[in-house]
Amino acid sequence: MATGTPMQQETYLPDGAEQVKELFEFLEAHEKASPEAKKPYYVLGGTGTADRVELPPEIYRVLRKVVDALQQGLAVTIVPSTQTLTTQEAADLLGRAAQYAALDTTAVGIDDEDDLSVVLEQLREARHAVARRRRNRAPS
C-alpha cells in the first residue's frame, strides 16, 4: 500500500480454510509450548536470510484476533480511524448508538448567560426522564 493513500474500510472473508487452520494451529501450539516468562515472538521473512522483521506485540495481537475469527468462519472488517473519536463514533464502534441517542435526548446545554435556576430545572427533568426509561426497561 502506498504511503499517503487514504485507507478505507475493508472486509475479509474466510477463504483458504486449510491455510487459516494451519496458521491457527501453529499459533496455538507455540503459545501453549512457551513458558509464561518467555513468550514466543514472530517474524515476517522476505526472500533473503537477513530479510526479516519482528512483529511488534500490537501487530501480533491484531493478527491473532483476525486468525481466530477467520478460523471460526467469520468475516473480518478493518475500519481505519483516527485515535480521536466523537462521542457518536465511539458509540457506533461499541455498538451503543441507541444508548447514545437516548443520552443525547436528555442532554442539557449550558451557557454562561443561562439562568442557574432554569438549568437546574432542566437537569432535574433530564434525570427524571432517565429514571422513567430505566423503570420502563426493568423486568417485572
N, C-alpha and C. Protein backbone atom coordinates (compact mmCIF):
# COMPACT_ATOMS: atom_id res chain seq x y z
N MET A 1 0.85 -1.18 0.00
CA MET A 1 0.00 0.00 0.00
C MET A 1 0.89 1.23 0.00
N ALA A 2 0.60 2.15 -0.87
CA ALA A 2 1.41 3.36 -0.98
C ALA A 2 1.16 4.29 0.18
N THR A 3 2.23 4.97 0.62
CA THR A 3 2.10 5.95 1.69
C THR A 3 1.27 7.11 1.19
N GLY A 4 0.40 7.62 2.03
CA GLY A 4 -0.43 8.75 1.64
C GLY A 4 -1.74 8.34 1.00
N THR A 5 -1.92 7.07 0.69
CA THR A 5 -3.17 6.60 0.13
C THR A 5 -4.20 6.53 1.25
N PRO A 6 -5.36 7.18 1.08
CA PRO A 6 -6.36 7.12 2.14
C PRO A 6 -6.83 5.68 2.37
N MET A 7 -6.86 5.30 3.63
CA MET A 7 -7.30 3.95 3.96
C MET A 7 -8.81 3.92 4.03
N GLN A 8 -9.38 2.81 3.60
CA GLN A 8 -10.82 2.65 3.63
C GLN A 8 -11.16 1.35 4.35
N GLN A 9 -12.38 1.28 4.79
CA GLN A 9 -12.87 0.07 5.44
C GLN A 9 -12.85 -1.09 4.46
N GLU A 10 -12.36 -2.25 4.92
CA GLU A 10 -12.34 -3.44 4.07
C GLU A 10 -12.79 -4.64 4.88
N THR A 11 -13.50 -5.55 4.23
CA THR A 11 -13.95 -6.78 4.87
C THR A 11 -13.27 -7.95 4.19
N TYR A 12 -12.75 -8.86 5.01
CA TYR A 12 -12.06 -10.05 4.52
C TYR A 12 -12.88 -11.28 4.88
N LEU A 13 -13.12 -12.11 3.88
CA LEU A 13 -13.91 -13.33 4.08
C LEU A 13 -13.00 -14.51 4.40
N PRO A 14 -13.53 -15.50 5.10
CA PRO A 14 -12.71 -16.65 5.49
C PRO A 14 -12.43 -17.61 4.33
N ASP A 15 -11.66 -17.15 3.34
CA ASP A 15 -11.25 -18.01 2.23
C ASP A 15 -9.98 -18.75 2.64
N GLY A 16 -9.62 -19.80 1.95
CA GLY A 16 -8.40 -20.53 2.25
C GLY A 16 -8.45 -21.19 3.61
N ALA A 17 -9.52 -21.92 3.87
CA ALA A 17 -9.75 -22.52 5.18
C ALA A 17 -8.59 -23.38 5.66
N GLU A 18 -7.96 -24.12 4.75
CA GLU A 18 -6.86 -25.01 5.15
C GLU A 18 -5.65 -24.20 5.60
N GLN A 19 -5.34 -23.13 4.90
CA GLN A 19 -4.20 -22.29 5.29
C GLN A 19 -4.48 -21.57 6.63
N VAL A 20 -5.70 -21.11 6.81
CA VAL A 20 -6.08 -20.45 8.05
C VAL A 20 -5.98 -21.45 9.20
N LYS A 21 -6.45 -22.66 8.97
CA LYS A 21 -6.38 -23.70 10.01
C LYS A 21 -4.93 -23.99 10.37
N GLU A 22 -4.08 -24.09 9.37
CA GLU A 22 -2.66 -24.37 9.60
C GLU A 22 -2.02 -23.24 10.42
N LEU A 23 -2.31 -21.99 10.08
CA LEU A 23 -1.78 -20.85 10.82
C LEU A 23 -2.33 -20.83 12.24
N PHE A 24 -3.62 -21.08 12.39
CA PHE A 24 -4.25 -21.12 13.71
C PHE A 24 -3.58 -22.16 14.59
N GLU A 25 -3.39 -23.36 14.06
CA GLU A 25 -2.78 -24.44 14.83
C GLU A 25 -1.32 -24.13 15.18
N PHE A 26 -0.60 -23.48 14.28
CA PHE A 26 0.77 -23.08 14.53
C PHE A 26 0.83 -22.10 15.70
N LEU A 27 -0.02 -21.08 15.66
CA LEU A 27 -0.03 -20.08 16.73
C LEU A 27 -0.44 -20.70 18.06
N GLU A 28 -1.45 -21.54 18.04
CA GLU A 28 -1.90 -22.22 19.26
C GLU A 28 -0.79 -23.07 19.86
N ALA A 29 -0.13 -23.86 19.03
CA ALA A 29 0.92 -24.76 19.51
C ALA A 29 2.07 -23.98 20.13
N HIS A 30 2.47 -22.89 19.49
CA HIS A 30 3.59 -22.11 20.02
C HIS A 30 3.22 -21.37 21.30
N GLU A 31 1.99 -20.93 21.40
CA GLU A 31 1.57 -20.25 22.63
C GLU A 31 1.50 -21.23 23.80
N LYS A 32 1.05 -22.44 23.54
CA LYS A 32 0.95 -23.45 24.60
C LYS A 32 2.33 -24.00 25.00
N ALA A 33 3.25 -24.06 24.06
CA ALA A 33 4.56 -24.64 24.32
C ALA A 33 5.51 -23.68 25.03
N SER A 34 5.25 -22.39 24.94
CA SER A 34 6.17 -21.41 25.54
C SER A 34 5.82 -21.18 27.00
N PRO A 35 6.83 -21.21 27.87
CA PRO A 35 6.56 -20.86 29.27
C PRO A 35 6.11 -19.41 29.36
N GLU A 36 5.30 -19.11 30.36
CA GLU A 36 4.74 -17.76 30.52
C GLU A 36 5.82 -16.68 30.54
N ALA A 37 6.94 -16.97 31.15
CA ALA A 37 8.01 -15.97 31.26
C ALA A 37 8.65 -15.65 29.92
N LYS A 38 8.60 -16.60 28.99
CA LYS A 38 9.25 -16.38 27.70
C LYS A 38 8.22 -16.56 26.58
N LYS A 39 7.54 -15.48 26.25
CA LYS A 39 6.53 -15.51 25.20
C LYS A 39 7.20 -15.71 23.85
N PRO A 40 6.54 -16.43 22.93
CA PRO A 40 7.12 -16.58 21.60
C PRO A 40 7.09 -15.24 20.85
N TYR A 41 7.97 -15.09 19.92
CA TYR A 41 7.94 -13.91 19.07
C TYR A 41 7.86 -14.40 17.63
N TYR A 42 7.35 -13.53 16.77
CA TYR A 42 7.12 -13.92 15.39
C TYR A 42 7.76 -12.90 14.47
N VAL A 43 8.20 -13.39 13.31
CA VAL A 43 8.85 -12.53 12.33
C VAL A 43 8.20 -12.70 10.96
N LEU A 44 8.32 -11.67 10.16
CA LEU A 44 7.96 -11.77 8.74
C LEU A 44 9.26 -11.89 7.99
N GLY A 45 9.31 -12.82 7.07
CA GLY A 45 10.54 -13.03 6.32
C GLY A 45 10.37 -12.73 4.85
N GLY A 46 11.43 -12.19 4.28
CA GLY A 46 11.46 -11.94 2.85
C GLY A 46 12.21 -13.05 2.15
N THR A 47 12.76 -12.76 1.00
CA THR A 47 13.44 -13.79 0.21
C THR A 47 14.86 -14.07 0.69
N GLY A 48 15.50 -13.09 1.31
CA GLY A 48 16.87 -13.29 1.79
C GLY A 48 16.89 -13.70 3.25
N THR A 49 18.01 -14.31 3.70
CA THR A 49 18.10 -14.76 5.08
C THR A 49 18.13 -13.59 6.06
N ALA A 50 18.65 -12.45 5.65
CA ALA A 50 18.68 -11.27 6.52
C ALA A 50 17.46 -10.38 6.32
N ASP A 51 16.57 -10.80 5.44
CA ASP A 51 15.39 -10.01 5.10
C ASP A 51 14.22 -10.43 5.99
N ARG A 52 14.22 -9.93 7.23
CA ARG A 52 13.15 -10.29 8.16
C ARG A 52 12.95 -9.18 9.17
N VAL A 53 11.76 -9.12 9.72
CA VAL A 53 11.43 -8.12 10.73
C VAL A 53 10.52 -8.77 11.78
N GLU A 54 10.78 -8.45 13.03
CA GLU A 54 9.97 -8.99 14.12
C GLU A 54 8.64 -8.24 14.19
N LEU A 55 7.55 -9.00 14.41
CA LEU A 55 6.24 -8.37 14.56
C LEU A 55 6.14 -7.73 15.95
N PRO A 56 5.76 -6.47 16.03
CA PRO A 56 5.53 -5.85 17.34
C PRO A 56 4.33 -6.53 18.02
N PRO A 57 4.28 -6.52 19.34
CA PRO A 57 3.18 -7.19 20.06
C PRO A 57 1.79 -6.74 19.62
N GLU A 58 1.61 -5.43 19.35
CA GLU A 58 0.27 -4.97 18.96
C GLU A 58 -0.14 -5.53 17.59
N ILE A 59 0.82 -5.70 16.69
CA ILE A 59 0.51 -6.29 15.37
C ILE A 59 0.20 -7.77 15.54
N TYR A 60 0.94 -8.44 16.41
CA TYR A 60 0.67 -9.85 16.68
C TYR A 60 -0.75 -10.02 17.24
N ARG A 61 -1.15 -9.15 18.18
CA ARG A 61 -2.49 -9.26 18.77
C ARG A 61 -3.57 -9.10 17.70
N VAL A 62 -3.37 -8.16 16.77
CA VAL A 62 -4.34 -7.97 15.69
C VAL A 62 -4.37 -9.22 14.81
N LEU A 63 -3.20 -9.70 14.43
CA LEU A 63 -3.11 -10.91 13.61
C LEU A 63 -3.81 -12.08 14.29
N ARG A 64 -3.58 -12.23 15.58
CA ARG A 64 -4.17 -13.34 16.34
C ARG A 64 -5.68 -13.28 16.33
N LYS A 65 -6.23 -12.08 16.53
CA LYS A 65 -7.69 -11.92 16.52
C LYS A 65 -8.26 -12.20 15.13
N VAL A 66 -7.57 -11.75 14.09
CA VAL A 66 -8.03 -11.99 12.73
C VAL A 66 -8.03 -13.48 12.43
N VAL A 67 -6.93 -14.16 12.78
CA VAL A 67 -6.83 -15.61 12.54
C VAL A 67 -7.91 -16.35 13.32
N ASP A 68 -8.13 -15.98 14.57
CA ASP A 68 -9.18 -16.63 15.38
C ASP A 68 -10.55 -16.48 14.73
N ALA A 69 -10.86 -15.28 14.27
CA ALA A 69 -12.17 -15.03 13.65
C ALA A 69 -12.31 -15.81 12.34
N LEU A 70 -11.29 -15.77 11.50
CA LEU A 70 -11.35 -16.49 10.23
C LEU A 70 -11.47 -17.99 10.46
N GLN A 71 -10.78 -18.50 11.48
CA GLN A 71 -10.84 -19.93 11.81
C GLN A 71 -12.27 -20.33 12.19
N GLN A 72 -13.01 -19.40 12.78
CA GLN A 72 -14.39 -19.67 13.17
C GLN A 72 -15.38 -19.44 12.02
N GLY A 73 -14.84 -19.10 10.84
CA GLY A 73 -15.69 -18.89 9.68
C GLY A 73 -16.31 -17.50 9.63
N LEU A 74 -15.79 -16.58 10.42
CA LEU A 74 -16.33 -15.22 10.46
C LEU A 74 -15.57 -14.31 9.49
N ALA A 75 -16.27 -13.32 8.97
CA ALA A 75 -15.61 -12.29 8.17
C ALA A 75 -14.97 -11.29 9.12
N VAL A 76 -13.94 -10.61 8.67
CA VAL A 76 -13.24 -9.62 9.48
C VAL A 76 -13.27 -8.30 8.73
N THR A 77 -13.72 -7.25 9.42
CA THR A 77 -13.74 -5.92 8.83
C THR A 77 -12.73 -5.04 9.55
N ILE A 78 -11.88 -4.39 8.77
CA ILE A 78 -10.91 -3.46 9.32
C ILE A 78 -11.40 -2.06 9.01
N VAL A 79 -11.55 -1.25 10.04
CA VAL A 79 -12.06 0.10 9.90
C VAL A 79 -11.01 1.08 10.40
N PRO A 80 -10.20 1.62 9.50
CA PRO A 80 -9.20 2.60 9.94
C PRO A 80 -9.88 3.85 10.49
N SER A 81 -9.37 4.36 11.59
CA SER A 81 -9.92 5.59 12.15
C SER A 81 -8.82 6.33 12.90
N THR A 82 -9.08 7.58 13.14
CA THR A 82 -8.12 8.35 13.93
C THR A 82 -8.22 7.88 15.38
N GLN A 83 -7.27 8.26 16.18
CA GLN A 83 -7.30 7.86 17.59
C GLN A 83 -8.29 8.71 18.39
N THR A 84 -8.73 9.82 17.81
CA THR A 84 -9.71 10.66 18.47
C THR A 84 -11.06 10.43 17.81
N LEU A 85 -12.05 10.05 18.62
CA LEU A 85 -13.39 9.79 18.10
C LEU A 85 -14.38 10.76 18.72
N THR A 86 -15.41 11.08 17.95
CA THR A 86 -16.52 11.83 18.54
C THR A 86 -17.30 10.86 19.42
N THR A 87 -18.17 11.38 20.23
CA THR A 87 -18.99 10.52 21.08
C THR A 87 -19.84 9.60 20.22
N GLN A 88 -20.39 10.12 19.12
CA GLN A 88 -21.21 9.30 18.24
C GLN A 88 -20.39 8.19 17.59
N GLU A 89 -19.16 8.50 17.13
CA GLU A 89 -18.31 7.48 16.53
C GLU A 89 -17.96 6.39 17.54
N ALA A 90 -17.66 6.79 18.76
CA ALA A 90 -17.35 5.80 19.81
C ALA A 90 -18.57 4.93 20.10
N ALA A 91 -19.75 5.53 20.15
CA ALA A 91 -20.98 4.76 20.39
C ALA A 91 -21.22 3.78 19.26
N ASP A 92 -21.02 4.22 18.01
CA ASP A 92 -21.19 3.34 16.86
C ASP A 92 -20.19 2.18 16.91
N LEU A 93 -18.94 2.50 17.22
CA LEU A 93 -17.89 1.50 17.28
C LEU A 93 -18.18 0.46 18.36
N LEU A 94 -18.72 0.90 19.48
CA LEU A 94 -19.02 -0.01 20.59
C LEU A 94 -20.40 -0.65 20.49
N GLY A 95 -21.14 -0.31 19.43
CA GLY A 95 -22.48 -0.86 19.28
C GLY A 95 -23.46 -0.28 20.29
N ARG A 96 -23.24 0.95 20.68
CA ARG A 96 -24.07 1.59 21.69
C ARG A 96 -24.80 2.82 21.14
N ALA A 97 -25.06 2.84 19.86
CA ALA A 97 -25.66 4.02 19.24
C ALA A 97 -27.03 4.34 19.85
N ALA A 98 -27.82 3.32 20.18
CA ALA A 98 -29.15 3.56 20.74
C ALA A 98 -29.05 4.23 22.11
N GLN A 99 -28.10 3.75 22.92
CA GLN A 99 -27.93 4.35 24.24
C GLN A 99 -27.44 5.79 24.11
N TYR A 100 -26.57 6.04 23.13
CA TYR A 100 -26.07 7.39 22.91
C TYR A 100 -27.22 8.30 22.48
N ALA A 101 -28.09 7.81 21.62
CA ALA A 101 -29.22 8.61 21.15
C ALA A 101 -30.13 8.96 22.33
N ALA A 102 -30.34 7.98 23.23
CA ALA A 102 -31.17 8.25 24.41
C ALA A 102 -30.50 9.28 25.30
N LEU A 103 -29.20 9.17 25.46
CA LEU A 103 -28.46 10.13 26.28
C LEU A 103 -28.52 11.52 25.65
N ASP A 104 -28.40 11.56 24.32
CA ASP A 104 -28.41 12.83 23.61
C ASP A 104 -29.74 13.55 23.79
N THR A 105 -30.85 12.80 23.89
CA THR A 105 -32.16 13.44 24.05
C THR A 105 -32.34 14.06 25.42
N THR A 106 -31.51 13.64 26.39
CA THR A 106 -31.62 14.21 27.74
C THR A 106 -30.47 15.17 28.05
N ALA A 107 -29.67 15.49 27.03
CA ALA A 107 -28.56 16.42 27.24
C ALA A 107 -29.08 17.82 27.50
N VAL A 108 -28.38 18.53 28.35
CA VAL A 108 -28.76 19.90 28.69
C VAL A 108 -27.60 20.80 28.32
N GLY A 109 -27.85 21.72 27.40
CA GLY A 109 -26.81 22.67 27.01
C GLY A 109 -26.72 23.79 28.05
N ILE A 110 -25.52 24.15 28.40
CA ILE A 110 -25.33 25.19 29.42
C ILE A 110 -24.43 26.28 28.84
N ASP A 111 -24.90 27.51 28.93
CA ASP A 111 -24.12 28.67 28.53
C ASP A 111 -23.88 29.54 29.75
N ASP A 112 -22.86 30.37 29.68
CA ASP A 112 -22.55 31.27 30.80
C ASP A 112 -23.71 32.21 31.12
N GLU A 113 -24.49 32.56 30.10
CA GLU A 113 -25.57 33.53 30.31
C GLU A 113 -26.86 32.89 30.83
N ASP A 114 -26.93 31.56 30.90
CA ASP A 114 -28.16 30.88 31.32
C ASP A 114 -28.47 31.16 32.79
N ASP A 115 -29.76 31.22 33.07
CA ASP A 115 -30.24 31.38 34.45
C ASP A 115 -30.02 30.05 35.18
N LEU A 116 -29.32 30.09 36.30
CA LEU A 116 -28.98 28.88 37.04
C LEU A 116 -30.21 28.08 37.44
N SER A 117 -31.26 28.74 37.84
CA SER A 117 -32.47 28.01 38.26
C SER A 117 -33.11 27.28 37.07
N VAL A 118 -33.05 27.86 35.87
CA VAL A 118 -33.58 27.20 34.68
C VAL A 118 -32.74 25.97 34.33
N VAL A 119 -31.42 26.12 34.42
CA VAL A 119 -30.53 24.99 34.12
C VAL A 119 -30.76 23.86 35.11
N LEU A 120 -30.90 24.19 36.40
CA LEU A 120 -31.15 23.16 37.42
C LEU A 120 -32.46 22.43 37.14
N GLU A 121 -33.47 23.16 36.73
CA GLU A 121 -34.75 22.53 36.40
C GLU A 121 -34.61 21.61 35.19
N GLN A 122 -33.86 22.04 34.19
CA GLN A 122 -33.62 21.19 33.01
C GLN A 122 -32.88 19.91 33.42
N LEU A 123 -31.90 20.05 34.30
CA LEU A 123 -31.17 18.86 34.77
C LEU A 123 -32.08 17.91 35.54
N ARG A 124 -32.96 18.46 36.38
CA ARG A 124 -33.92 17.62 37.12
C ARG A 124 -34.82 16.86 36.14
N GLU A 125 -35.32 17.58 35.14
CA GLU A 125 -36.20 16.94 34.15
C GLU A 125 -35.46 15.85 33.39
N ALA A 126 -34.21 16.10 33.02
CA ALA A 126 -33.42 15.09 32.31
C ALA A 126 -33.20 13.87 33.20
N ARG A 127 -32.88 14.09 34.48
CA ARG A 127 -32.67 12.98 35.42
C ARG A 127 -33.95 12.16 35.57
N HIS A 128 -35.09 12.83 35.66
CA HIS A 128 -36.36 12.12 35.77
C HIS A 128 -36.67 11.33 34.50
N ALA A 129 -36.34 11.89 33.35
CA ALA A 129 -36.55 11.17 32.08
C ALA A 129 -35.72 9.89 32.03
N VAL A 130 -34.48 9.98 32.48
CA VAL A 130 -33.62 8.79 32.51
C VAL A 130 -34.19 7.76 33.48
N ALA A 131 -34.64 8.20 34.64
CA ALA A 131 -35.22 7.29 35.63
C ALA A 131 -36.47 6.60 35.08
N ARG A 132 -37.31 7.34 34.36
CA ARG A 132 -38.51 6.75 33.76
C ARG A 132 -38.13 5.68 32.74
N ARG A 133 -37.13 5.98 31.90
CA ARG A 133 -36.69 4.99 30.90
C ARG A 133 -36.18 3.73 31.58
N ARG A 134 -35.42 3.89 32.65
CA ARG A 134 -34.89 2.72 33.36
C ARG A 134 -36.01 1.90 33.98
N ARG A 135 -37.01 2.58 34.57
CA ARG A 135 -38.14 1.83 35.15
C ARG A 135 -38.89 1.07 34.08
N ASN A 136 -39.06 1.68 32.92
CA ASN A 136 -39.79 1.02 31.82
C ASN A 136 -39.04 -0.18 31.28
N ARG A 137 -37.71 -0.17 31.37
CA ARG A 137 -36.91 -1.30 30.88
C ARG A 137 -36.78 -2.41 31.89
N ALA A 138 -36.97 -2.09 33.18
CA ALA A 138 -36.74 -3.07 34.25
C ALA A 138 -37.72 -4.22 34.11
N PRO A 139 -37.21 -5.49 34.25
CA PRO A 139 -38.11 -6.64 34.18
C PRO A 139 -39.05 -6.65 35.37
N SER A 140 -40.28 -7.08 35.15
CA SER A 140 -41.27 -7.10 36.23
C SER A 140 -41.18 -8.38 37.02
